[in-house]
Full PDB file with SEQRES, HELIX, SHEET, SSBOND, CRYST1, ORIGX, SCALE, CONECT and MASTER records, all heavy atoms in Angstrom:
SEQRES   1 A   43  THR VAL LEU LEU ARG TYR PHE SER SER ALA ASN LEU LEU          
SEQRES   2 A   43  SER THR PHE ALA VAL LEU ALA MET LEU PHE THR LEU GLY          
SEQRES   3 A   43  ALA ILE PHE LEU PRO ASP MET LEU GLY LEU TYR SER LEU          
SEQRES   4 A   43  VAL ALA ILE SER                                              
HELIX    1 AA1 LEU A    3  ARG A    5  5                                   3    
HELIX    2 AA2 SER A    9  PHE A   29  1                                  21    
HELIX    3 AA3 ASP A   32  ALA A   41  1                                  10    
CRYST1    1.000    1.000    1.000  90.00  90.00  90.00 P 1           1          
ORIGX1      1.000000  0.000000  0.000000        0.00000                         
ORIGX2      0.000000  1.000000  0.000000        0.00000                         
ORIGX3      0.000000  0.000000  1.000000        0.00000                         
SCALE1      1.000000  0.000000  0.000000        0.00000                         
SCALE2      0.000000  1.000000  0.000000        0.00000                         
SCALE3      0.000000  0.000000  1.000000        0.00000                         
ATOM      1  N   THR A   1       1.250   2.215   7.937  1.00  0.00           N  
ATOM      2  CA  THR A   1       0.569   3.443   8.349  1.00  0.00           C  
ATOM      3  C   THR A   1       0.322   4.340   7.141  1.00  0.00           C  
ATOM      4  O   THR A   1      -0.725   4.988   7.029  1.00  0.00           O  
ATOM      5  CB  THR A   1       1.403   4.193   9.413  1.00  0.00           C  
ATOM      6  OG1 THR A   1       1.557   3.358  10.563  1.00  0.00           O  
ATOM      7  CG2 THR A   1       0.719   5.495   9.827  1.00  0.00           C  
ATOM      8  N   VAL A   2       1.270   4.363   6.214  1.00  0.00           N  
ATOM      9  CA  VAL A   2       1.105   5.141   4.970  1.00  0.00           C  
ATOM     10  C   VAL A   2       0.135   4.441   4.027  1.00  0.00           C  
ATOM     11  O   VAL A   2      -0.780   5.067   3.474  1.00  0.00           O  
ATOM     12  CB  VAL A   2       2.476   5.346   4.280  1.00  0.00           C  
ATOM     13  CG1 VAL A   2       2.295   6.048   2.935  1.00  0.00           C  
ATOM     14  CG2 VAL A   2       3.406   6.146   5.177  1.00  0.00           C  
ATOM     15  N   LEU A   3       0.307   3.142   3.829  1.00  0.00           N  
ATOM     16  CA  LEU A   3      -0.533   2.407   2.873  1.00  0.00           C  
ATOM     17  C   LEU A   3      -2.005   2.467   3.240  1.00  0.00           C  
ATOM     18  O   LEU A   3      -2.872   2.459   2.350  1.00  0.00           O  
ATOM     19  CB  LEU A   3      -0.072   0.949   2.804  1.00  0.00           C  
ATOM     20  CG  LEU A   3       1.285   0.676   2.141  1.00  0.00           C  
ATOM     21  CD1 LEU A   3       1.622  -0.805   2.206  1.00  0.00           C  
ATOM     22  CD2 LEU A   3       1.284   1.163   0.696  1.00  0.00           C  
ATOM     23  N   LEU A   4      -2.307   2.534   4.537  1.00  0.00           N  
ATOM     24  CA  LEU A   4      -3.709   2.557   4.960  1.00  0.00           C  
ATOM     25  C   LEU A   4      -4.433   3.837   4.556  1.00  0.00           C  
ATOM     26  O   LEU A   4      -5.665   3.902   4.638  1.00  0.00           O  
ATOM     27  CB  LEU A   4      -3.800   2.356   6.478  1.00  0.00           C  
ATOM     28  CG  LEU A   4      -3.634   0.903   6.945  1.00  0.00           C  
ATOM     29  CD1 LEU A   4      -3.391   0.846   8.445  1.00  0.00           C  
ATOM     30  CD2 LEU A   4      -4.849   0.066   6.571  1.00  0.00           C  
ATOM     31  N   ARG A   5      -3.700   4.838   4.131  1.00  0.00           N  
ATOM     32  CA  ARG A   5      -4.336   6.055   3.604  1.00  0.00           C  
ATOM     33  C   ARG A   5      -4.841   5.841   2.189  1.00  0.00           C  
ATOM     34  O   ARG A   5      -5.638   6.636   1.682  1.00  0.00           O  
ATOM     35  CB  ARG A   5      -3.380   7.242   3.657  1.00  0.00           C  
ATOM     36  CG  ARG A   5      -3.044   7.703   5.065  1.00  0.00           C  
ATOM     37  CD  ARG A   5      -2.292   9.028   5.075  1.00  0.00           C  
ATOM     38  NE  ARG A   5      -3.143  10.169   4.759  1.00  0.00           N  
ATOM     39  CZ  ARG A   5      -3.892  10.823   5.624  1.00  0.00           C  
ATOM     40  NH1 ARG A   5      -3.936  10.441   6.894  1.00  0.00           N  
ATOM     41  NH2 ARG A   5      -4.623  11.850   5.247  1.00  0.00           N  
ATOM     42  N   TYR A   6      -4.370   4.786   1.532  1.00  0.00           N  
ATOM     43  CA  TYR A   6      -4.699   4.574   0.120  1.00  0.00           C  
ATOM     44  C   TYR A   6      -5.431   3.258  -0.160  1.00  0.00           C  
ATOM     45  O   TYR A   6      -6.067   3.115  -1.195  1.00  0.00           O  
ATOM     46  CB  TYR A   6      -3.410   4.612  -0.724  1.00  0.00           C  
ATOM     47  CG  TYR A   6      -2.625   5.888  -0.533  1.00  0.00           C  
ATOM     48  CD1 TYR A   6      -1.500   5.914   0.287  1.00  0.00           C  
ATOM     49  CD2 TYR A   6      -3.025   7.073  -1.149  1.00  0.00           C  
ATOM     50  CE1 TYR A   6      -0.786   7.090   0.483  1.00  0.00           C  
ATOM     51  CE2 TYR A   6      -2.310   8.252  -0.963  1.00  0.00           C  
ATOM     52  CZ  TYR A   6      -1.197   8.263  -0.144  1.00  0.00           C  
ATOM     53  OH  TYR A   6      -0.496   9.419   0.050  1.00  0.00           O  
ATOM     54  N   PHE A   7      -5.308   2.294   0.750  1.00  0.00           N  
ATOM     55  CA  PHE A   7      -5.928   0.991   0.545  1.00  0.00           C  
ATOM     56  C   PHE A   7      -6.793   0.636   1.751  1.00  0.00           C  
ATOM     57  O   PHE A   7      -6.532   1.081   2.865  1.00  0.00           O  
ATOM     58  CB  PHE A   7      -4.860  -0.095   0.336  1.00  0.00           C  
ATOM     59  CG  PHE A   7      -3.960   0.157  -0.834  1.00  0.00           C  
ATOM     60  CD1 PHE A   7      -2.706   0.741  -0.647  1.00  0.00           C  
ATOM     61  CD2 PHE A   7      -4.354  -0.183  -2.117  1.00  0.00           C  
ATOM     62  CE1 PHE A   7      -1.865   0.979  -1.714  1.00  0.00           C  
ATOM     63  CE2 PHE A   7      -3.516   0.059  -3.196  1.00  0.00           C  
ATOM     64  CZ  PHE A   7      -2.268   0.637  -3.005  1.00  0.00           C  
ATOM     65  N   SER A   8      -7.810  -0.176   1.514  1.00  0.00           N  
ATOM     66  CA  SER A   8      -8.692  -0.575   2.611  1.00  0.00           C  
ATOM     67  C   SER A   8      -7.969  -1.517   3.567  1.00  0.00           C  
ATOM     68  O   SER A   8      -7.064  -2.261   3.172  1.00  0.00           O  
ATOM     69  CB  SER A   8      -9.944  -1.262   2.063  1.00  0.00           C  
ATOM     70  OG  SER A   8      -9.651  -2.580   1.643  1.00  0.00           O  
ATOM     71  N   SER A   9      -8.389  -1.493   4.822  1.00  0.00           N  
ATOM     72  CA  SER A   9      -7.779  -2.345   5.844  1.00  0.00           C  
ATOM     73  C   SER A   9      -7.877  -3.819   5.475  1.00  0.00           C  
ATOM     74  O   SER A   9      -6.905  -4.579   5.601  1.00  0.00           O  
ATOM     75  CB  SER A   9      -8.467  -2.111   7.197  1.00  0.00           C  
ATOM     76  OG  SER A   9      -8.369  -0.777   7.593  1.00  0.00           O  
ATOM     77  N   ALA A  10      -9.058  -4.237   5.010  1.00  0.00           N  
ATOM     78  CA  ALA A  10      -9.275  -5.654   4.702  1.00  0.00           C  
ATOM     79  C   ALA A  10      -8.413  -6.119   3.532  1.00  0.00           C  
ATOM     80  O   ALA A  10      -7.867  -7.224   3.538  1.00  0.00           O  
ATOM     81  CB  ALA A  10     -10.750  -5.906   4.419  1.00  0.00           C  
ATOM     82  N   ASN A  11      -8.276  -5.270   2.506  1.00  0.00           N  
ATOM     83  CA  ASN A  11      -7.446  -5.633   1.352  1.00  0.00           C  
ATOM     84  C   ASN A  11      -5.994  -5.812   1.754  1.00  0.00           C  
ATOM     85  O   ASN A  11      -5.328  -6.770   1.347  1.00  0.00           O  
ATOM     86  CB  ASN A  11      -7.554  -4.556   0.268  1.00  0.00           C  
ATOM     87  CG  ASN A  11      -8.661  -4.851  -0.730  1.00  0.00           C  
ATOM     88  OD1 ASN A  11      -8.959  -6.018  -0.999  1.00  0.00           O  
ATOM     89  ND2 ASN A  11      -9.275  -3.818  -1.265  1.00  0.00           N  
ATOM     90  N   LEU A  12      -5.476  -4.869   2.537  1.00  0.00           N  
ATOM     91  CA  LEU A  12      -4.086  -4.967   2.983  1.00  0.00           C  
ATOM     92  C   LEU A  12      -3.884  -6.173   3.880  1.00  0.00           C  
ATOM     93  O   LEU A  12      -2.879  -6.886   3.772  1.00  0.00           O  
ATOM     94  CB  LEU A  12      -3.675  -3.695   3.724  1.00  0.00           C  
ATOM     95  CG  LEU A  12      -3.194  -2.518   2.875  1.00  0.00           C  
ATOM     96  CD1 LEU A  12      -2.825  -1.343   3.766  1.00  0.00           C  
ATOM     97  CD2 LEU A  12      -2.003  -2.898   2.010  1.00  0.00           C  
ATOM     98  N   LEU A  13      -4.834  -6.425   4.769  1.00  0.00           N  
ATOM     99  CA  LEU A  13      -4.721  -7.573   5.667  1.00  0.00           C  
ATOM    100  C   LEU A  13      -4.676  -8.878   4.871  1.00  0.00           C  
ATOM    101  O   LEU A  13      -3.865  -9.771   5.169  1.00  0.00           O  
ATOM    102  CB  LEU A  13      -5.901  -7.591   6.647  1.00  0.00           C  
ATOM    103  CG  LEU A  13      -5.888  -8.685   7.716  1.00  0.00           C  
ATOM    104  CD1 LEU A  13      -4.663  -8.556   8.618  1.00  0.00           C  
ATOM    105  CD2 LEU A  13      -7.169  -8.615   8.554  1.00  0.00           C  
ATOM    106  N   SER A  14      -5.510  -8.992   3.854  1.00  0.00           N  
ATOM    107  CA  SER A  14      -5.512 -10.183   3.008  1.00  0.00           C  
ATOM    108  C   SER A  14      -4.169 -10.367   2.305  1.00  0.00           C  
ATOM    109  O   SER A  14      -3.596 -11.465   2.288  1.00  0.00           O  
ATOM    110  CB  SER A  14      -6.634 -10.069   1.973  1.00  0.00           C  
ATOM    111  OG  SER A  14      -6.577 -11.145   1.053  1.00  0.00           O  
ATOM    112  N   THR A  15      -3.636  -9.280   1.752  1.00  0.00           N  
ATOM    113  CA  THR A  15      -2.349  -9.340   1.040  1.00  0.00           C  
ATOM    114  C   THR A  15      -1.216  -9.735   1.964  1.00  0.00           C  
ATOM    115  O   THR A  15      -0.392 -10.603   1.634  1.00  0.00           O  
ATOM    116  CB  THR A  15      -2.045  -7.981   0.389  1.00  0.00           C  
ATOM    117  OG1 THR A  15      -3.098  -7.644  -0.523  1.00  0.00           O  
ATOM    118  CG2 THR A  15      -0.720  -8.016  -0.365  1.00  0.00           C  
ATOM    119  N   PHE A  16      -1.174  -9.139   3.142  1.00  0.00           N  
ATOM    120  CA  PHE A  16      -0.086  -9.414   4.078  1.00  0.00           C  
ATOM    121  C   PHE A  16      -0.209 -10.829   4.672  1.00  0.00           C  
ATOM    122  O   PHE A  16       0.805 -11.443   5.006  1.00  0.00           O  
ATOM    123  CB  PHE A  16      -0.050  -8.356   5.175  1.00  0.00           C  
ATOM    124  CG  PHE A  16       0.738  -7.129   4.789  1.00  0.00           C  
ATOM    125  CD1 PHE A  16       0.329  -6.325   3.734  1.00  0.00           C  
ATOM    126  CD2 PHE A  16       1.890  -6.781   5.468  1.00  0.00           C  
ATOM    127  CE1 PHE A  16       1.054  -5.209   3.354  1.00  0.00           C  
ATOM    128  CE2 PHE A  16       2.629  -5.667   5.108  1.00  0.00           C  
ATOM    129  CZ  PHE A  16       2.205  -4.876   4.044  1.00  0.00           C  
ATOM    130  N   ALA A  17      -1.440 -11.344   4.789  1.00  0.00           N  
ATOM    131  CA  ALA A  17      -1.607 -12.719   5.264  1.00  0.00           C  
ATOM    132  C   ALA A  17      -1.056 -13.711   4.247  1.00  0.00           C  
ATOM    133  O   ALA A  17      -0.429 -14.717   4.619  1.00  0.00           O  
ATOM    134  CB  ALA A  17      -3.086 -13.005   5.542  1.00  0.00           C  
ATOM    135  N   VAL A  18      -1.264 -13.442   2.958  1.00  0.00           N  
ATOM    136  CA  VAL A  18      -0.691 -14.295   1.914  1.00  0.00           C  
ATOM    137  C   VAL A  18       0.831 -14.242   1.961  1.00  0.00           C  
ATOM    138  O   VAL A  18       1.511 -15.275   1.865  1.00  0.00           O  
ATOM    139  CB  VAL A  18      -1.209 -13.877   0.527  1.00  0.00           C  
ATOM    140  CG1 VAL A  18      -0.442 -14.601  -0.581  1.00  0.00           C  
ATOM    141  CG2 VAL A  18      -2.704 -14.165   0.397  1.00  0.00           C  
ATOM    142  N   LEU A  19       1.391 -13.030   2.125  1.00  0.00           N  
ATOM    143  CA  LEU A  19       2.850 -12.898   2.254  1.00  0.00           C  
ATOM    144  C   LEU A  19       3.369 -13.713   3.427  1.00  0.00           C  
ATOM    145  O   LEU A  19       4.390 -14.407   3.322  1.00  0.00           O  
ATOM    146  CB  LEU A  19       3.225 -11.425   2.451  1.00  0.00           C  
ATOM    147  CG  LEU A  19       3.373 -10.541   1.218  1.00  0.00           C  
ATOM    148  CD1 LEU A  19       3.681  -9.111   1.653  1.00  0.00           C  
ATOM    149  CD2 LEU A  19       4.463 -11.066   0.300  1.00  0.00           C  
ATOM    150  N   ALA A  20       2.666 -13.643   4.551  1.00  0.00           N  
ATOM    151  CA  ALA A  20       3.085 -14.375   5.749  1.00  0.00           C  
ATOM    152  C   ALA A  20       3.096 -15.877   5.488  1.00  0.00           C  
ATOM    153  O   ALA A  20       4.022 -16.583   5.911  1.00  0.00           O  
ATOM    154  CB  ALA A  20       2.165 -14.039   6.920  1.00  0.00           C  
ATOM    155  N   MET A  21       2.076 -16.371   4.808  1.00  0.00           N  
ATOM    156  CA  MET A  21       2.027 -17.805   4.520  1.00  0.00           C  
ATOM    157  C   MET A  21       3.174 -18.221   3.607  1.00  0.00           C  
ATOM    158  O   MET A  21       3.793 -19.276   3.807  1.00  0.00           O  
ATOM    159  CB  MET A  21       0.679 -18.165   3.888  1.00  0.00           C  
ATOM    160  CG  MET A  21      -0.478 -18.168   4.881  1.00  0.00           C  
ATOM    161  SD  MET A  21      -2.027 -18.833   4.184  1.00  0.00           S  
ATOM    162  CE  MET A  21      -2.560 -17.452   3.181  1.00  0.00           C  
ATOM    163  N   LEU A  22       3.497 -17.400   2.606  1.00  0.00           N  
ATOM    164  CA  LEU A  22       4.599 -17.723   1.692  1.00  0.00           C  
ATOM    165  C   LEU A  22       5.932 -17.740   2.436  1.00  0.00           C  
ATOM    166  O   LEU A  22       6.751 -18.660   2.249  1.00  0.00           O  
ATOM    167  CB  LEU A  22       4.641 -16.712   0.547  1.00  0.00           C  
ATOM    168  CG  LEU A  22       3.471 -16.791  -0.454  1.00  0.00           C  
ATOM    169  CD1 LEU A  22       3.553 -15.639  -1.457  1.00  0.00           C  
ATOM    170  CD2 LEU A  22       3.470 -18.130  -1.184  1.00  0.00           C  
ATOM    171  N   PHE A  23       6.170 -16.740   3.272  1.00  0.00           N  
ATOM    172  CA  PHE A  23       7.418 -16.702   4.039  1.00  0.00           C  
ATOM    173  C   PHE A  23       7.509 -17.886   5.010  1.00  0.00           C  
ATOM    174  O   PHE A  23       8.590 -18.431   5.241  1.00  0.00           O  
ATOM    175  CB  PHE A  23       7.542 -15.384   4.811  1.00  0.00           C  
ATOM    176  CG  PHE A  23       7.848 -14.197   3.944  1.00  0.00           C  
ATOM    177  CD1 PHE A  23       7.181 -12.985   4.148  1.00  0.00           C  
ATOM    178  CD2 PHE A  23       8.795 -14.260   2.947  1.00  0.00           C  
ATOM    179  CE1 PHE A  23       7.458 -11.878   3.363  1.00  0.00           C  
ATOM    180  CE2 PHE A  23       9.080 -13.152   2.154  1.00  0.00           C  
ATOM    181  CZ  PHE A  23       8.406 -11.956   2.359  1.00  0.00           C  
ATOM    182  N   THR A  24       6.354 -18.269   5.581  1.00  0.00           N  
ATOM    183  CA  THR A  24       6.355 -19.404   6.516  1.00  0.00           C  
ATOM    184  C   THR A  24       6.687 -20.700   5.796  1.00  0.00           C  
ATOM    185  O   THR A  24       7.439 -21.544   6.323  1.00  0.00           O  
ATOM    186  CB  THR A  24       4.997 -19.518   7.225  1.00  0.00           C  
ATOM    187  OG1 THR A  24       4.670 -18.257   7.825  1.00  0.00           O  
ATOM    188  CG2 THR A  24       5.043 -20.580   8.320  1.00  0.00           C  
ATOM    189  N   LEU A  25       6.162 -20.877   4.591  1.00  0.00           N  
ATOM    190  CA  LEU A  25       6.527 -22.053   3.800  1.00  0.00           C  
ATOM    191  C   LEU A  25       8.026 -22.053   3.510  1.00  0.00           C  
ATOM    192  O   LEU A  25       8.668 -23.116   3.500  1.00  0.00           O  
ATOM    193  CB  LEU A  25       5.728 -22.080   2.489  1.00  0.00           C  
ATOM    194  CG  LEU A  25       4.239 -22.427   2.617  1.00  0.00           C  
ATOM    195  CD1 LEU A  25       3.550 -22.292   1.270  1.00  0.00           C  
ATOM    196  CD2 LEU A  25       4.051 -23.841   3.168  1.00  0.00           C  
ATOM    197  N   GLY A  26       8.595 -20.863   3.296  1.00  0.00           N  
ATOM    198  CA  GLY A  26      10.037 -20.763   3.105  1.00  0.00           C  
ATOM    199  C   GLY A  26      10.801 -21.203   4.340  1.00  0.00           C  
ATOM    200  O   GLY A  26      11.815 -21.906   4.248  1.00  0.00           O  
ATOM    201  N   ALA A  27      10.304 -20.816   5.525  1.00  0.00           N  
ATOM    202  CA  ALA A  27      10.958 -21.219   6.776  1.00  0.00           C  
ATOM    203  C   ALA A  27      10.894 -22.727   6.968  1.00  0.00           C  
ATOM    204  O   ALA A  27      11.796 -23.331   7.548  1.00  0.00           O  
ATOM    205  CB  ALA A  27      10.302 -20.514   7.958  1.00  0.00           C  
ATOM    206  N   ILE A  28       9.834 -23.348   6.471  1.00  0.00           N  
ATOM    207  CA  ILE A  28       9.679 -24.797   6.626  1.00  0.00           C  
ATOM    208  C   ILE A  28      10.561 -25.561   5.639  1.00  0.00           C  
ATOM    209  O   ILE A  28      11.258 -26.507   6.026  1.00  0.00           O  
ATOM    210  CB  ILE A  28       8.204 -25.206   6.436  1.00  0.00           C  
ATOM    211  CG1 ILE A  28       7.330 -24.612   7.543  1.00  0.00           C  
ATOM    212  CG2 ILE A  28       8.057 -26.737   6.427  1.00  0.00           C  
ATOM    213  CD1 ILE A  28       5.833 -24.778   7.303  1.00  0.00           C  
ATOM    214  N   PHE A  29      10.559 -25.134   4.368  1.00  0.00           N  
ATOM    215  CA  PHE A  29      11.143 -25.977   3.327  1.00  0.00           C  
ATOM    216  C   PHE A  29      12.452 -25.470   2.721  1.00  0.00           C  
ATOM    217  O   PHE A  29      13.172 -26.260   2.101  1.00  0.00           O  
ATOM    218  CB  PHE A  29      10.116 -26.178   2.203  1.00  0.00           C  
ATOM    219  CG  PHE A  29       8.921 -26.986   2.630  1.00  0.00           C  
ATOM    220  CD1 PHE A  29       7.673 -26.388   2.750  1.00  0.00           C  
ATOM    221  CD2 PHE A  29       9.044 -28.332   2.930  1.00  0.00           C  
ATOM    222  CE1 PHE A  29       6.563 -27.133   3.152  1.00  0.00           C  
ATOM    223  CE2 PHE A  29       7.953 -29.091   3.332  1.00  0.00           C  
ATOM    224  CZ  PHE A  29       6.703 -28.493   3.443  1.00  0.00           C  
ATOM    225  N   LEU A  30      12.784 -24.177   2.867  1.00  0.00           N  
ATOM    226  CA  LEU A  30      14.045 -23.702   2.308  1.00  0.00           C  
ATOM    227  C   LEU A  30      15.212 -24.188   3.172  1.00  0.00           C  
ATOM    228  O   LEU A  30      15.101 -24.237   4.393  1.00  0.00           O  
ATOM    229  CB  LEU A  30      14.055 -22.173   2.211  1.00  0.00           C  
ATOM    230  CG  LEU A  30      13.127 -21.570   1.154  1.00  0.00           C  
ATOM    231  CD1 LEU A  30      13.196 -20.048   1.197  1.00  0.00           C  
ATOM    232  CD2 LEU A  30      13.484 -22.071  -0.254  1.00  0.00           C  
ATOM    233  N   PRO A  31      16.346 -24.506   2.556  1.00  0.00           N  
ATOM    234  CA  PRO A  31      17.462 -25.075   3.329  1.00  0.00           C  
ATOM    235  C   PRO A  31      18.277 -24.025   4.073  1.00  0.00           C  
ATOM    236  O   PRO A  31      18.407 -22.883   3.634  1.00  0.00           O  
ATOM    237  CB  PRO A  31      18.320 -25.753   2.244  1.00  0.00           C  
ATOM    238  CG  PRO A  31      18.057 -24.938   1.009  1.00  0.00           C  
ATOM    239  CD  PRO A  31      16.612 -24.503   1.105  1.00  0.00           C  
ATOM    240  N   ASP A  32      18.813 -24.415   5.225  1.00  0.00           N  
ATOM    241  CA  ASP A  32      19.840 -23.670   5.969  1.00  0.00           C  
ATOM    242  C   ASP A  32      19.452 -22.207   6.186  1.00  0.00           C  
ATOM    243  O   ASP A  32      18.359 -21.925   6.643  1.00  0.00           O  
ATOM    244  CB  ASP A  32      21.191 -23.797   5.249  1.00  0.00           C  
ATOM    245  CG  ASP A  32      21.605 -25.247   5.084  1.00  0.00           C  
ATOM    246  OD1 ASP A  32      21.315 -26.038   6.005  1.00  0.00           O  
ATOM    247  OD2 ASP A  32      22.172 -25.597   4.035  1.00  0.00           O  
ATOM    248  N   MET A  33      20.360 -21.276   5.850  1.00  0.00           N  
ATOM    249  CA  MET A  33      20.152 -19.859   6.166  1.00  0.00           C  
ATOM    250  C   MET A  33      18.999 -19.250   5.377  1.00  0.00           C  
ATOM    251  O   MET A  33      18.375 -18.288   5.841  1.00  0.00           O  
ATOM    252  CB  MET A  33      21.440 -19.076   5.909  1.00  0.00           C  
ATOM    253  CG  MET A  33      22.593 -19.450   6.826  1.00  0.00           C  
ATOM    254  SD  MET A  33      22.202 -19.216   8.589  1.00  0.00           S  
ATOM    255  CE  MET A  33      22.014 -17.432   8.652  1.00  0.00           C  
ATOM    256  N   LEU A  34      18.697 -19.803   4.193  1.00  0.00           N  
ATOM    257  CA  LEU A  34      17.563 -19.267   3.428  1.00  0.00           C  
ATOM    258  C   LEU A  34      16.270 -19.411   4.233  1.00  0.00           C  
ATOM    259  O   LEU A  34      15.423 -18.517   4.232  1.00  0.00           O  
ATOM    260  CB  LEU A  34      17.438 -20.000   2.091  1.00  0.00           C  
ATOM    261  CG  LEU A  34      18.467 -19.643   1.015  1.00  0.00           C  
ATOM    262  CD1 LEU A  34      18.261 -20.520  -0.215  1.00  0.00           C  
ATOM    263  CD2 LEU A  34      18.364 -18.161   0.638  1.00  0.00           C  
ATOM    264  N   GLY A  35      16.126 -20.549   4.912  1.00  0.00           N  
ATOM    265  CA  GLY A  35      14.952 -20.745   5.753  1.00  0.00           C  
ATOM    266  C   GLY A  35      14.913 -19.765   6.903  1.00  0.00           C  
ATOM    267  O   GLY A  35      13.847 -19.233   7.252  1.00  0.00           O  
ATOM    268  N   LEU A  36      16.075 -19.481   7.509  1.00  0.00           N  
ATOM    269  CA  LEU A  36      16.133 -18.534   8.617  1.00  0.00           C  
ATOM    270  C   LEU A  36      15.812 -17.119   8.149  1.00  0.00           C  
ATOM    271  O   LEU A  36      15.085 -16.381   8.829  1.00  0.00           O  
ATOM    272  CB  LEU A  36      17.523 -18.575   9.267  1.00  0.00           C  
ATOM    273  CG  LEU A  36      17.730 -17.716  10.509  1.00  0.00           C  
ATOM    274  CD1 LEU A  36      16.688 -18.029  11.587  1.00  0.00           C  
ATOM    275  CD2 LEU A  36      19.143 -17.924  11.070  1.00  0.00           C  
ATOM    276  N   TYR A  37      16.323 -16.739   6.981  1.00  0.00           N  
ATOM    277  CA  TYR A  37      15.996 -15.417   6.435  1.00  0.00           C  
ATOM    278  C   TYR A  37      14.507 -15.303   6.150  1.00  0.00           C  
ATOM    279  O   TYR A  37      13.895 -14.245   6.361  1.00  0.00           O  
ATOM    280  CB  TYR A  37      16.785 -15.161   5.148  1.00  0.00           C  
ATOM    281  CG  TYR A  37      18.278 -15.067   5.339  1.00  0.00           C  
ATOM    282  CD1 TYR A  37      19.156 -15.523   4.356  1.00  0.00           C  
ATOM    283  CD2 TYR A  37      18.824 -14.536   6.510  1.00  0.00           C  
ATOM    284  CE1 TYR A  37      20.531 -15.444   4.531  1.00  0.00           C  
ATOM    285  CE2 TYR A  37      20.196 -14.450   6.689  1.00  0.00           C  
ATOM    286  CZ  TYR A  37      21.048 -14.913   5.698  1.00  0.00           C  
ATOM    287  OH  TYR A  37      22.407 -14.840   5.865  1.00  0.00           O  
ATOM    288  N   SER A  38      13.920 -16.379   5.663  1.00  0.00           N  
ATOM    289  CA  SER A  38      12.487 -16.373   5.406  1.00  0.00           C  
ATOM    290  C   SER A  38      11.701 -16.247   6.704  1.00  0.00           C  
ATOM    291  O   SER A  38      10.678 -15.545   6.770  1.00  0.00           O  
ATOM    292  CB  SER A  38      12.085 -17.665   4.679  1.00  0.00           C  
ATOM    293  OG  SER A  38      10.756 -17.604   4.235  1.00  0.00           O  
ATOM    294  N   LEU A  39      12.203 -16.893   7.768  1.00  0.00           N  
ATOM    295  CA  LEU A  39      11.565 -16.787   9.083  1.00  0.00           C  
ATOM    296  C   LEU A  39      11.612 -15.351   9.590  1.00  0.00           C  
ATOM    297  O   LEU A  39      10.632 -14.845  10.154  1.00  0.00           O  
ATOM    298  CB  LEU A  39      12.274 -17.726  10.065  1.00  0.00           C  
ATOM    299  CG  LEU A  39      11.717 -17.821  11.491  1.00  0.00           C  
ATOM    300  CD1 LEU A  39      10.237 -18.173  11.492  1.00  0.00           C  
ATOM    301  CD2 LEU A  39      12.505 -18.853  12.291  1.00  0.00           C  
ATOM    302  N   VAL A  40      12.730 -14.660   9.374  1.00  0.00           N  
ATOM    303  CA  VAL A  40      12.835 -13.246   9.743  1.00  0.00           C  
ATOM    304  C   VAL A  40      11.841 -12.409   8.947  1.00  0.00           C  
ATOM    305  O   VAL A  40      11.176 -11.509   9.481  1.00  0.00           O  
ATOM    306  CB  VAL A  40      14.276 -12.744   9.515  1.00  0.00           C  
ATOM    307  CG1 VAL A  40      14.349 -11.214   9.638  1.00  0.00           C  
ATOM    308  CG2 VAL A  40      15.240 -13.393  10.504  1.00  0.00           C  
ATOM    309  N   ALA A  41      11.700 -12.715   7.652  1.00  0.00           N  
ATOM    310  CA  ALA A  41      10.839 -11.910   6.767  1.00  0.00           C  
ATOM    311  C   ALA A  41       9.363 -11.992   7.152  1.00  0.00           C  
ATOM    312  O   ALA A  41       8.590 -11.088   6.827  1.00  0.00           O  
ATOM    313  CB  ALA A  41      11.025 -12.352   5.321  1.00  0.00           C  
ATOM    314  N   ILE A  42       8.961 -13.060   7.839  1.00  0.00           N  
ATOM    315  CA  ILE A  42       7.563 -13.165   8.272  1.00  0.00           C  
ATOM    316  C   ILE A  42       7.155 -11.945   9.083  1.00  0.00           C  
ATOM    317  O   ILE A  42       6.006 -11.487   9.020  1.00  0.00           O  
ATOM    318  CB  ILE A  42       7.352 -14.448   9.110  1.00  0.00           C  
ATOM    319  CG1 ILE A  42       7.589 -15.703   8.262  1.00  0.00           C  
ATOM    320  CG2 ILE A  42       5.941 -14.490   9.693  1.00  0.00           C  
ATOM    321  CD1 ILE A  42       7.595 -16.997   9.079  1.00  0.00           C  
ATOM    322  N   SER A  43       8.096 -11.374   9.834  1.00  0.00           N  
ATOM    323  CA  SER A  43       7.770 -10.244  10.711  1.00  0.00           C  
ATOM    324  C   SER A  43       7.293  -9.032   9.924  1.00  0.00           C  
ATOM    325  O   SER A  43       6.473  -8.252  10.417  1.00  0.00           O  
ATOM    326  CB  SER A  43       8.980  -9.885  11.571  1.00  0.00           C  
ATOM    327  OG  SER A  43       9.229 -10.907  12.513  1.00  0.00           O  
TER     328      SER A  43                                                      
MASTER        0    0    0    3    0    0    0    6  327    1    0    4          
END                                                                             
């Protein structure tokens, strides 16, 4: 809500989509609790 005052909606959406993909790869390939923490971080 704060960031949208300074950055465009599309730019932020693109950045956060990349973050989501990276965290999801962590949930798939990181072992044990690291994968679970990465799954939480997707949110």
